[in-house]
């Protein structure tokens, strides 16, 4: 059992490194190398350099991060590009949507299924559609995990 867990641990590290290498090769150069981006994350293909993700973040599967406006078009027919920022040590839950031009601060949690349409200040937890702040003053460690006296409620 322990051997299987150890093998799985090291294989997951290799897969994460490979995934980050592929993202950087596709032009997503503003994503920190120690960020964990799970499979199934959809990143904007029209403006890959407009997505900025800090160190120590975990972006869960099914999340979509956009960096261009599709409904507002310039007179020449091109799209408005807006940089989207996610700070350091953030966790973005499963199936969340980060809209273009949004700034998410450092040490934030975005709950699963949340649609973030406006900026989120540092050390906040947001949930809902659209995202609303439900907790402030939280702190995350370097692995995007809550620190402090937070307990899981069953």
Protein backbone atom coordinates (compact mmCIF):
# COMPACT_ATOMS: atom_id res chain seq x y z
CA UNK A 1 0.00 0.00 0.00
CA UNK A 2 2.74 2.48 0.95
CA UNK A 3 4.65 1.70 -2.25
CA UNK A 4 1.56 2.38 -4.35
CA UNK A 5 1.01 5.74 -2.62
CA UNK A 6 4.66 6.69 -3.13
CA UNK A 7 4.55 5.78 -6.82
CA UNK A 8 1.31 7.72 -7.30
CA UNK A 9 2.83 10.74 -5.53
CA UNK A 10 5.89 10.87 -7.80
CA UNK A 11 3.88 10.18 -10.96
CA UNK A 12 1.55 13.07 -10.12
CA UNK A 13 4.57 15.38 -9.79
CA UNK A 14 5.78 14.33 -13.25
CA UNK A 15 2.31 14.86 -14.76
CA UNK A 16 2.06 18.34 -13.17
CA UNK A 17 5.49 19.33 -14.51
CA UNK A 18 4.56 18.05 -17.97
CA UNK A 19 1.24 19.94 -17.88
CA UNK A 20 3.02 23.20 -16.92
CA UNK A 21 5.61 22.69 -19.64
CA UNK A 22 2.81 22.26 -22.21
CA UNK A 23 1.00 25.38 -20.97
CA UNK A 24 4.17 27.48 -21.20
CA UNK A 25 4.80 26.09 -24.71
CA UNK A 26 1.26 27.18 -25.70
CA UNK A 27 1.98 30.76 -24.59
CA UNK A 28 0.68 30.78 -21.01
CA UNK A 29 3.94 32.26 -19.76
CA UNK A 30 2.47 34.27 -16.88
CA UNK A 31 1.57 31.20 -14.81
CA UNK A 32 3.97 30.38 -11.97
CA UNK A 33 5.70 27.03 -12.36
CA UNK A 34 4.76 25.74 -8.89
CA UNK A 35 1.05 26.33 -9.48
CA UNK A 36 -1.05 23.17 -9.74
CA UNK A 37 -3.48 23.19 -12.65
CA UNK A 38 -5.58 20.04 -12.70
CA UNK A 39 -6.80 18.35 -15.85
CA UNK A 40 -9.95 19.75 -17.41
CA UNK A 41 -9.12 23.40 -16.70
CA UNK A 42 -10.06 25.63 -19.63
CA UNK A 43 -7.82 28.64 -20.20
CA UNK A 44 -8.60 31.40 -22.71
CA UNK A 45 -6.94 30.54 -26.04
CA UNK A 46 -7.32 33.98 -27.67
CA UNK A 47 -5.19 35.79 -25.08
CA UNK A 48 -2.93 33.28 -23.28
CA UNK A 49 -0.53 35.98 -22.06
CA UNK A 50 -3.44 37.74 -20.36
CA UNK A 51 -3.81 35.03 -17.72
CA UNK A 52 -1.61 35.70 -14.68
CA UNK A 53 -1.54 33.09 -11.88
CA UNK A 54 0.75 33.50 -8.88
CA UNK A 55 2.80 30.96 -6.96
CA UNK A 56 1.38 28.20 -4.80
CA UNK A 57 -2.10 28.18 -6.36
CA UNK A 58 -4.34 25.20 -7.01
CA UNK A 59 -6.81 25.48 -9.89
CA UNK A 60 -9.32 22.62 -9.72
CA UNK A 61 -10.76 20.65 -12.61
CA UNK A 62 -13.49 22.19 -14.74
CA UNK A 63 -12.48 25.77 -13.99
CA UNK A 64 -12.63 28.28 -16.85
CA UNK A 65 -10.43 31.38 -16.85
CA UNK A 66 -11.15 34.02 -19.51
CA UNK A 67 -9.03 36.96 -20.66
CA UNK A 68 -10.99 38.49 -23.53
CA UNK A 69 -14.41 40.05 -24.03
CA UNK A 70 -16.49 38.32 -26.67
CA UNK A 71 -19.62 40.48 -26.62
CA UNK A 72 -17.84 43.83 -26.85
CA UNK A 73 -16.02 44.15 -30.16
CA UNK A 74 -13.72 46.94 -31.35
CA UNK A 75 -14.74 48.86 -34.50
CA UNK A 76 -12.22 46.84 -36.52
CA UNK A 77 -13.90 43.57 -35.43
CA UNK A 78 -11.20 42.45 -33.00
CA UNK A 79 -11.80 41.52 -29.36
CA UNK A 80 -10.96 43.49 -26.23
CA UNK A 81 -8.21 41.70 -24.33
CA UNK A 82 -8.33 42.04 -20.55
CA UNK A 83 -5.69 40.61 -18.24
CA UNK A 84 -7.04 38.32 -15.53
CA UNK A 85 -5.03 37.97 -12.31
CA UNK A 86 -5.05 35.32 -9.60
CA UNK A 87 -2.73 36.10 -6.68
CA UNK A 88 -0.39 33.85 -4.70
CA UNK A 89 -1.54 30.86 -2.62
CA UNK A 90 -5.11 30.80 -3.95
CA UNK A 91 -7.51 27.89 -4.35
CA UNK A 92 -10.08 27.95 -7.15
CA UNK A 93 -12.77 25.28 -6.71
CA UNK A 94 -14.22 22.83 -9.21
CA UNK A 95 -16.24 24.25 -12.15
CA UNK A 96 -15.63 27.90 -11.27
CA UNK A 97 -15.62 30.67 -13.87
CA UNK A 98 -13.23 33.60 -13.66
CA UNK A 99 -14.42 36.40 -15.96
CA UNK A 100 -12.05 38.59 -18.00
CA UNK A 101 -10.34 41.50 -16.26
CA UNK A 102 -10.93 40.18 -12.74
CA UNK A 103 -8.22 40.53 -10.07
CA UNK A 104 -8.28 37.90 -7.33
CA UNK A 105 -6.04 38.85 -4.42
CA UNK A 106 -3.48 36.79 -2.53
CA UNK A 107 -4.54 33.90 -0.27
CA UNK A 108 -8.13 33.64 -1.53
CA UNK A 109 -10.55 30.74 -1.85
CA UNK A 110 -13.06 30.62 -4.69
CA UNK A 111 -15.74 28.03 -3.92
CA UNK A 112 -16.78 25.37 -6.38
CA UNK A 113 -19.21 26.53 -9.08
CA UNK A 114 -18.59 30.20 -8.30
CA UNK A 115 -18.73 32.81 -11.06
CA UNK A 116 -16.30 35.63 -10.28
CA UNK A 117 -17.36 38.81 -12.09
CA UNK A 118 -15.69 41.45 -9.88
CA UNK A 119 -12.36 41.89 -8.11
CA UNK A 120 -11.74 39.93 -4.90
CA UNK A 121 -9.56 41.50 -2.17
CA UNK A 122 -6.74 39.64 -0.39
CA UNK A 123 -7.51 36.97 2.24
CA UNK A 124 -11.16 36.39 1.29
CA UNK A 125 -13.39 33.42 0.60
CA UNK A 126 -16.01 33.90 -2.12
CA UNK A 127 -18.89 31.65 -3.20
CA UNK A 128 -22.02 31.90 -5.30
CA UNK A 129 -23.34 33.21 -8.56
CA UNK A 130 -22.17 35.95 -8.77
CA UNK A 131 -19.37 35.62 -6.23
CA UNK A 132 -19.98 37.12 -2.82
CA UNK A 133 -17.50 37.41 0.05
CA UNK A 134 -18.48 35.00 2.86
CA UNK A 135 -15.33 35.16 4.98
CA UNK A 136 -12.44 37.59 5.36
CA UNK A 137 -9.12 37.36 7.15
CA UNK A 138 -8.30 33.82 6.00
CA UNK A 139 -4.73 32.65 5.50
CA UNK A 140 -3.45 30.00 3.13
CA UNK A 141 -0.18 28.09 3.14
CA UNK A 142 2.15 27.51 0.18
CA UNK A 143 0.03 24.55 -0.96
CA UNK A 144 -3.26 26.51 -1.18
CA UNK A 145 -4.60 25.03 2.07
CA UNK A 146 -6.33 26.97 4.83
CA UNK A 147 -4.29 27.72 7.93
CA UNK A 148 -5.64 28.40 11.38
CA UNK A 149 -8.46 26.90 13.41
CA UNK A 150 -10.78 25.99 10.52
CA UNK A 151 -12.49 22.68 11.07
CA UNK A 152 -14.34 20.50 8.59
CA UNK A 153 -18.04 20.21 9.50
CA UNK A 154 -19.62 16.85 8.83
